[in-house]
Amino acid sequence: MSDSTTEGGCLCGAVRYRIAGQPRTSSICHCRTCRRASGAPSVAWFVVRTEQFSLLHGDLSTFASSMPVLRQFCGRCGSPIAYRHADDPASIELTTASLDDPESFPPSREIWLSHRLSWQAIDSRREQDPDESQVQPQQTDSRGNNSRA
């Protein structure tokens, strides 16, 4: 792991965190549940091992958006910060745009393109994954929603 550190936080400044080293992966997710949780057409995430993540101050509020998924956010301003999946408890996904310098970890792929809104452009320079998450294995419910919920 690199000795470099990168910091980020929420809109109001109540939550601050630090990342040590480089992420395992970085992507843009187009799934319906990420869109609903963020109010945006897609969300950029990067994945690190939990020991690379340090909460510097503040507390994250947690919402269990599905059986295997916990979404964490600032309880004061609502900024989405983290995503944890039971299938990969040693990792944490963090919103790239919550970094002080989001250019630090640019996305290299786009995932869940089968859920992409028709009016949102795809960047052909990135790896394209129609039905894939950063966490494996991925499952869908009876309505066909992915388990990123």
C-alpha atoms as a PDB file:
ATOM      1  CA  MET A   1       0.000   0.000   0.000  1.00  0.00           C
ATOM      2  CA  SER A   2       1.203   3.483  -0.850  1.00  0.00           C
ATOM      3  CA  ASP A   3       2.032   5.963   1.909  1.00  0.00           C
ATOM      4  CA  SER A   4      -0.216   8.593   0.282  1.00  0.00           C
ATOM      5  CA  THR A   5      -3.400   9.762   1.951  1.00  0.00           C
ATOM      6  CA  THR A   6      -6.505  11.355   0.516  1.00  0.00           C
ATOM      7  CA  GLU A   7      -9.280  13.053   2.474  1.00  0.00           C
ATOM      8  CA  GLY A   8     -12.927  13.739   1.928  1.00  0.00           C
ATOM      9  CA  GLY A   9     -16.149  14.579   3.677  1.00  0.00           C
ATOM     10  CA  CYS A  10     -19.722  15.733   3.468  1.00  0.00           C
ATOM     11  CA  LEU A  11     -21.253  18.991   2.250  1.00  0.00           C
ATOM     12  CA  CYS A  12     -21.675  20.582   5.691  1.00  0.00           C
ATOM     13  CA  GLY A  13     -18.272  19.476   7.039  1.00  0.00           C
ATOM     14  CA  ALA A  14     -19.655  17.434   9.950  1.00  0.00           C
ATOM     15  CA  VAL A  15     -18.133  14.197   8.544  1.00  0.00           C
ATOM     16  CA  ARG A  16     -14.486  13.945   7.495  1.00  0.00           C
ATOM     17  CA  TYR A  17     -12.571  10.811   6.475  1.00  0.00           C
ATOM     18  CA  ARG A  18      -9.116   9.772   5.254  1.00  0.00           C
ATOM     19  CA  ILE A  19      -8.030   7.069   2.823  1.00  0.00           C
ATOM     20  CA  ALA A  20      -4.538   5.561   3.060  1.00  0.00           C
ATOM     21  CA  GLY A  21      -3.146   4.287  -0.229  1.00  0.00           C
ATOM     22  CA  GLN A  22      -4.822   3.568  -3.523  1.00  0.00           C
ATOM     23  CA  PRO A  23      -8.285   2.112  -4.201  1.00  0.00           C
ATOM     24  CA  ARG A  24      -8.845  -1.431  -5.411  1.00  0.00           C
ATOM     25  CA  THR A  25     -11.200  -0.169  -8.142  1.00  0.00           C
ATOM     26  CA  SER A  26     -13.153   2.910  -9.155  1.00  0.00           C
ATOM     27  CA  SER A  27     -16.329   3.010 -11.232  1.00  0.00           C
ATOM     28  CA  ILE A  28     -19.520   4.823 -12.126  1.00  0.00           C
ATOM     29  CA  CYS A  29     -22.673   2.938 -11.131  1.00  0.00           C
ATOM     30  CA  HIS A  30     -25.871   3.390 -13.136  1.00  0.00           C
ATOM     31  CA  CYS A  31     -28.088   1.094 -11.032  1.00  0.00           C
ATOM     32  CA  ARG A  32     -31.545   2.252 -10.020  1.00  0.00           C
ATOM     33  CA  THR A  33     -30.853   2.026  -6.290  1.00  0.00           C
ATOM     34  CA  CYS A  34     -27.745   4.228  -6.475  1.00  0.00           C
ATOM     35  CA  ARG A  35     -29.757   6.743  -8.502  1.00  0.00           C
ATOM     36  CA  ARG A  36     -32.546   6.741  -5.930  1.00  0.00           C
ATOM     37  CA  ALA A  37     -30.160   7.002  -2.965  1.00  0.00           C
ATOM     38  CA  SER A  38     -28.259   9.931  -4.491  1.00  0.00           C
ATOM     39  CA  GLY A  39     -30.870  11.741  -6.553  1.00  0.00           C
ATOM     40  CA  ALA A  40     -28.379  11.707  -9.443  1.00  0.00           C
ATOM     41  CA  PRO A  41     -28.319   9.816 -12.768  1.00  0.00           C
ATOM     42  CA  SER A  42     -25.265   7.811 -11.657  1.00  0.00           C
ATOM     43  CA  VAL A  43     -22.781   7.652  -8.789  1.00  0.00           C
ATOM     44  CA  ALA A  44     -18.991   7.364  -8.911  1.00  0.00           C
ATOM     45  CA  TRP A  45     -17.580   4.992  -6.272  1.00  0.00           C
ATOM     46  CA  PHE A  46     -14.113   3.780  -5.326  1.00  0.00           C
ATOM     47  CA  VAL A  47     -13.381   0.687  -3.238  1.00  0.00           C
ATOM     48  CA  VAL A  48     -10.764   0.331  -0.497  1.00  0.00           C
ATOM     49  CA  ARG A  49     -10.074  -2.209   2.222  1.00  0.00           C
ATOM     50  CA  THR A  50     -11.734  -1.198   5.497  1.00  0.00           C
ATOM     51  CA  GLU A  51      -8.329  -0.746   7.172  1.00  0.00           C
ATOM     52  CA  GLN A  52      -7.509   1.952   4.583  1.00  0.00           C
ATOM     53  CA  PHE A  53     -10.521   4.016   5.741  1.00  0.00           C
ATOM     54  CA  SER A  54     -10.451   6.255   8.828  1.00  0.00           C
ATOM     55  CA  LEU A  55     -13.306   8.412  10.029  1.00  0.00           C
ATOM     56  CA  LEU A  56     -11.601  11.610  11.235  1.00  0.00           C
ATOM     57  CA  HIS A  57     -14.636  13.243  12.827  1.00  0.00           C
ATOM     58  CA  GLY A  58     -18.391  13.061  12.834  1.00  0.00           C
ATOM     59  CA  ASP A  59     -20.647  10.061  12.668  1.00  0.00           C
ATOM     60  CA  LEU A  60     -22.160   8.311   9.699  1.00  0.00           C
ATOM     61  CA  SER A  61     -25.874   7.549   9.758  1.00  0.00           C
ATOM     62  CA  THR A  62     -26.787   4.159   8.308  1.00  0.00           C
ATOM     63  CA  PHE A  63     -29.677   2.973   6.170  1.00  0.00           C
ATOM     64  CA  ALA A  64     -30.101  -0.731   5.375  1.00  0.00           C
ATOM     65  CA  SER A  65     -31.345  -0.388   1.815  1.00  0.00           C
ATOM     66  CA  SER A  66     -31.565  -4.165   1.349  1.00  0.00           C
ATOM     67  CA  MET A  67     -30.663  -7.280   3.303  1.00  0.00           C
ATOM     68  CA  PRO A  68     -26.963  -7.292   2.289  1.00  0.00           C
ATOM     69  CA  VAL A  69     -26.412  -3.524   1.881  1.00  0.00           C
ATOM     70  CA  LEU A  70     -25.747  -0.649   4.273  1.00  0.00           C
ATOM     71  CA  ARG A  71     -25.594   2.880   2.891  1.00  0.00           C
ATOM     72  CA  GLN A  72     -23.939   5.503   5.083  1.00  0.00           C
ATOM     73  CA  PHE A  73     -24.357   9.255   4.932  1.00  0.00           C
ATOM     74  CA  CYS A  74     -24.021  12.431   6.960  1.00  0.00           C
ATOM     75  CA  GLY A  75     -27.016  12.619   9.286  1.00  0.00           C
ATOM     76  CA  ARG A  76     -26.885  16.413   9.260  1.00  0.00           C
ATOM     77  CA  CYS A  77     -26.715  17.307   5.541  1.00  0.00           C
ATOM     78  CA  GLY A  78     -27.549  13.922   3.950  1.00  0.00           C
ATOM     79  CA  SER A  79     -24.439  13.636   1.769  1.00  0.00           C
ATOM     80  CA  PRO A  80     -23.959  10.000   0.657  1.00  0.00           C
ATOM     81  CA  ILE A  81     -20.526   8.803   1.794  1.00  0.00           C
ATOM     82  CA  ALA A  82     -20.239   5.008   1.982  1.00  0.00           C
ATOM     83  CA  TYR A  83     -21.685   1.708   0.841  1.00  0.00           C
ATOM     84  CA  ARG A  84     -21.024  -1.618   2.547  1.00  0.00           C
ATOM     85  CA  HIS A  85     -22.049  -5.019   1.231  1.00  0.00           C
ATOM     86  CA  ALA A  86     -22.287  -8.175   3.341  1.00  0.00           C
ATOM     87  CA  ASP A  87     -20.626 -10.195   0.545  1.00  0.00           C
ATOM     88  CA  ASP A  88     -17.412  -8.166   0.993  1.00  0.00           C
ATOM     89  CA  PRO A  89     -17.125  -7.077   4.665  1.00  0.00           C
ATOM     90  CA  ALA A  90     -13.387  -6.349   4.299  1.00  0.00           C
ATOM     91  CA  SER A  91     -14.119  -3.517   1.836  1.00  0.00           C
ATOM     92  CA  ILE A  92     -15.904  -0.193   1.858  1.00  0.00           C
ATOM     93  CA  GLU A  93     -17.080   1.766  -1.175  1.00  0.00           C
ATOM     94  CA  LEU A  94     -16.927   5.553  -0.947  1.00  0.00           C
ATOM     95  CA  THR A  95     -18.461   8.221  -3.145  1.00  0.00           C
ATOM     96  CA  THR A  96     -15.738   9.655  -5.341  1.00  0.00           C
ATOM     97  CA  ALA A  97     -17.361  13.099  -5.372  1.00  0.00           C
ATOM     98  CA  SER A  98     -17.099  13.293  -1.552  1.00  0.00           C
ATOM     99  CA  LEU A  99     -13.294  13.456  -1.888  1.00  0.00           C
ATOM    100  CA  ASP A 100     -11.659  16.860  -1.490  1.00  0.00           C
ATOM    101  CA  ASP A 101     -10.017  16.091  -4.848  1.00  0.00           C
ATOM    102  CA  PRO A 102     -12.291  13.725  -6.811  1.00  0.00           C
ATOM    103  CA  GLU A 103      -9.719  13.716  -9.625  1.00  0.00           C
ATOM    104  CA  SER A 104      -7.504  11.594  -7.315  1.00  0.00           C
ATOM    105  CA  PHE A 105      -9.393   8.391  -8.171  1.00  0.00           C
ATOM    106  CA  PRO A 106     -11.052   8.779 -11.595  1.00  0.00           C
ATOM    107  CA  PRO A 107     -13.420   5.968 -12.585  1.00  0.00           C
ATOM    108  CA  SER A 108     -11.996   3.348 -14.930  1.00  0.00           C
ATOM    109  CA  ARG A 109     -15.270   1.535 -15.667  1.00  0.00           C
ATOM    110  CA  GLU A 110     -19.033   1.922 -15.757  1.00  0.00           C
ATOM    111  CA  ILE A 111     -21.257  -0.702 -14.149  1.00  0.00           C
ATOM    112  CA  TRP A 112     -24.955  -1.601 -14.340  1.00  0.00           C
ATOM    113  CA  LEU A 113     -25.265  -0.018 -17.774  1.00  0.00           C
ATOM    114  CA  SER A 114     -28.460  -2.023 -18.305  1.00  0.00           C
ATOM    115  CA  HIS A 115     -30.009   0.384 -15.742  1.00  0.00           C
ATOM    116  CA  ARG A 116     -28.570   3.550 -17.346  1.00  0.00           C
ATOM    117  CA  LEU A 117     -30.966   6.370 -18.131  1.00  0.00           C
ATOM    118  CA  SER A 118     -31.284   6.765 -21.899  1.00  0.00           C
ATOM    119  CA  TRP A 119     -30.278  10.443 -21.779  1.00  0.00           C
ATOM    120  CA  GLN A 120     -27.035   9.865 -19.901  1.00  0.00           C
ATOM    121  CA  ALA A 121     -23.974   9.489 -22.134  1.00  0.00           C
ATOM    122  CA  ILE A 122     -21.526   6.600 -21.819  1.00  0.00           C
ATOM    123  CA  ASP A 123     -17.789   7.253 -21.890  1.00  0.00           C
ATOM    124  CA  SER A 124     -16.434   4.690 -24.356  1.00  0.00           C
ATOM    125  CA  ARG A 125     -12.912   5.096 -22.920  1.00  0.00           C
ATOM    126  CA  ARG A 126     -13.997   3.242 -19.775  1.00  0.00           C
ATOM    127  CA  GLU A 127     -14.526  -0.504 -19.388  1.00  0.00           C
ATOM    128  CA  GLN A 128     -18.259  -1.225 -19.796  1.00  0.00           C
ATOM    129  CA  ASP A 129     -20.135  -3.746 -17.623  1.00  0.00           C
ATOM    130  CA  PRO A 130     -23.867  -4.058 -18.452  1.00  0.00           C
ATOM    131  CA  ASP A 131     -24.885  -6.018 -15.340  1.00  0.00           C
ATOM    132  CA  GLU A 132     -22.008  -6.034 -12.905  1.00  0.00           C
ATOM    133  CA  SER A 133     -21.225  -4.611  -9.521  1.00  0.00           C
ATOM    134  CA  GLN A 134     -17.877  -4.033  -7.842  1.00  0.00           C
ATOM    135  CA  VAL A 135     -18.902  -6.626  -5.242  1.00  0.00           C
ATOM    136  CA  GLN A 136     -19.354 -10.229  -6.349  1.00  0.00           C
ATOM    137  CA  PRO A 137     -21.472 -12.297  -6.431  1.00  0.00           C
ATOM    138  CA  GLN A 138     -24.358 -10.096  -7.485  1.00  0.00           C
ATOM    139  CA  GLN A 139     -27.974 -11.152  -7.143  1.00  0.00           C
ATOM    140  CA  THR A 140     -31.290  -9.756  -8.265  1.00  0.00           C
ATOM    141  CA  ASP A 141     -34.603  -9.800  -6.475  1.00  0.00           C
ATOM    142  CA  SER A 142     -37.915 -11.018  -7.919  1.00  0.00           C
ATOM    143  CA  ARG A 143     -38.466  -7.630  -9.635  1.00  0.00           C
ATOM    144  CA  GLY A 144     -35.064  -7.777 -11.342  1.00  0.00           C
ATOM    145  CA  ASN A 145     -33.448  -5.097  -9.136  1.00  0.00           C
ATOM    146  CA  ASN A 146     -29.802  -5.659  -8.363  1.00  0.00           C
ATOM    147  CA  SER A 147     -28.657  -6.164  -4.777  1.00  0.00           C
ATOM    148  CA  ARG A 148     -26.867  -2.804  -4.583  1.00  0.00           C
ATOM    149  CA  ALA A 149     -30.124  -1.687  -2.977  1.00  0.00           C
END
